Protein backbone atom coordinates (compact mmCIF):
# COMPACT_ATOMS: atom_id res chain seq x y z
CA MET A 1 -2.54 -27.06 -7.23
CA SER A 2 -1.44 -23.74 -8.41
CA GLU A 3 -1.50 -20.68 -6.10
CA GLN A 4 -4.17 -18.17 -6.96
CA LYS A 5 -3.11 -14.52 -7.42
CA LYS A 6 -4.47 -11.71 -5.28
CA GLY A 7 -7.68 -10.46 -7.08
CA ALA A 8 -7.65 -13.38 -9.50
CA GLY A 9 -10.71 -13.52 -11.72
CA PHE A 10 -11.31 -9.80 -11.84
CA PRO A 11 -10.19 -7.37 -14.58
CA THR A 12 -7.48 -5.02 -13.33
CA TYR A 13 -6.34 -1.45 -14.06
CA LYS A 14 -2.74 -0.55 -13.11
CA GLY A 15 -2.55 -3.77 -11.00
CA LYS A 16 -5.74 -3.11 -8.98
CA PRO A 17 -8.99 -5.01 -9.38
CA LEU A 18 -12.05 -3.53 -11.07
CA VAL A 19 -15.44 -4.95 -9.93
CA ARG A 20 -18.67 -3.90 -11.59
CA CYS A 21 -22.22 -4.24 -10.17
CA GLY A 22 -24.71 -2.57 -12.50
CA ASP A 23 -23.80 1.10 -12.86
CA THR A 24 -21.32 0.99 -9.90
CA ILE A 25 -17.66 0.13 -10.30
CA TYR A 26 -15.27 -0.55 -7.41
CA TYR A 27 -11.58 0.04 -7.95
CA GLY A 28 -9.04 -1.43 -5.52
CA SER A 29 -9.02 -4.28 -3.02
CA MET A 30 -11.47 -4.49 -0.08
CA ARG A 31 -8.52 -5.79 1.95
CA ASP A 32 -6.91 -2.38 1.80
CA LYS A 33 -7.82 0.64 4.00
CA TYR A 34 -9.40 2.55 1.01
CA VAL A 35 -11.26 1.74 -2.16
CA ILE A 36 -12.71 3.84 -5.00
CA LYS A 37 -16.41 3.65 -5.75
CA MET A 38 -17.47 5.05 -9.18
CA ASP A 39 -21.17 5.59 -9.92
CA ILE A 40 -22.15 6.04 -13.54
CA LYS A 41 -24.71 8.88 -13.42
CA SER A 42 -25.54 9.14 -17.17
CA LYS A 43 -24.71 7.37 -20.45
CA LYS A 44 -24.60 8.36 -24.04
CA ASP A 45 -24.95 6.43 -27.29
CA VAL A 46 -21.66 6.24 -29.31
CA GLY A 47 -21.75 4.04 -32.42
CA GLY A 48 -24.54 1.90 -31.03
CA LEU A 49 -22.82 1.37 -27.66
CA GLN A 50 -23.78 2.88 -24.31
CA VAL A 51 -20.80 4.87 -22.92
CA ALA A 52 -20.47 6.40 -19.53
CA ASP A 53 -20.94 10.17 -19.77
CA LYS A 54 -21.00 11.44 -16.18
CA VAL A 55 -19.30 9.47 -13.40
CA ALA A 56 -19.24 10.26 -9.69
CA VAL A 57 -15.89 9.17 -8.03
CA HIS A 58 -15.71 8.53 -4.24
CA LEU A 59 -12.63 7.63 -2.18
CA MET A 60 -14.00 5.52 0.72
CA TYR A 61 -12.78 3.73 3.79
CA THR A 62 -13.37 -0.04 3.62
CA ASP A 63 -14.03 -0.37 7.37
CA PRO A 64 -17.55 -1.80 7.88
CA GLU A 65 -17.74 -0.33 11.39
CA ILE A 66 -17.82 3.18 9.99
CA ARG A 67 -21.31 4.52 9.03
CA THR A 68 -21.85 4.77 5.19
CA ARG A 69 -21.90 8.60 5.11
CA LYS A 70 -18.67 8.83 7.14
CA GLN A 71 -16.83 6.34 4.85
CA ILE A 72 -16.54 8.82 2.07
CA VAL A 73 -13.19 10.74 2.20
CA LYS A 74 -13.22 12.60 -1.16
CA SER A 75 -15.74 12.97 -4.01
CA SER A 76 -15.78 14.38 -7.54
CA GLU A 77 -17.75 14.12 -10.78
CA LYS A 78 -15.93 13.54 -14.04
CA ASP A 79 -16.91 13.49 -17.74
CA GLY A 80 -16.37 9.91 -19.00
CA LEU A 81 -14.91 6.78 -17.50
CA TYR A 82 -11.33 7.47 -18.63
CA LEU A 83 -11.08 10.71 -16.57
CA ALA A 84 -12.79 9.00 -13.59
CA LEU A 85 -10.30 6.10 -13.71
CA ASP A 86 -7.45 8.68 -13.95
CA ILE A 87 -8.46 10.54 -10.80
CA ALA A 88 -9.37 7.32 -9.05
CA ASP A 89 -5.91 5.85 -9.58
CA ALA A 90 -4.19 9.04 -8.35
CA TRP A 91 -6.38 9.27 -5.17
CA LEU A 92 -6.04 5.53 -4.32
CA THR A 93 -2.30 5.46 -4.90
CA ARG A 94 -1.80 8.52 -2.64
CA ALA A 95 -4.18 7.19 0.03
CA LEU A 96 -2.50 3.78 0.20
CA ALA A 97 1.11 5.20 0.16
CA PRO A 98 2.97 4.32 3.38
């Protein structure tokens, strides 16, 4: 049997998994200390496709012992998914740095 890769089966961005549930996207691994949660607040129609317009970005602890309100370390709102992923990668890389 072949060995499965970490995060196999999920699409990735810059080597970290992206998991979508409705209008919420999680970026990073739940095994790490931090993860990014992105909530799509509004969408716009572009060429017949629904595209994220406003996205709330949250850097969060993954520890389930911490209350939900206390898990959020940083928050921001960005125009579009590209800008949200850009800041999400920067925050997560800095937070997970040794």
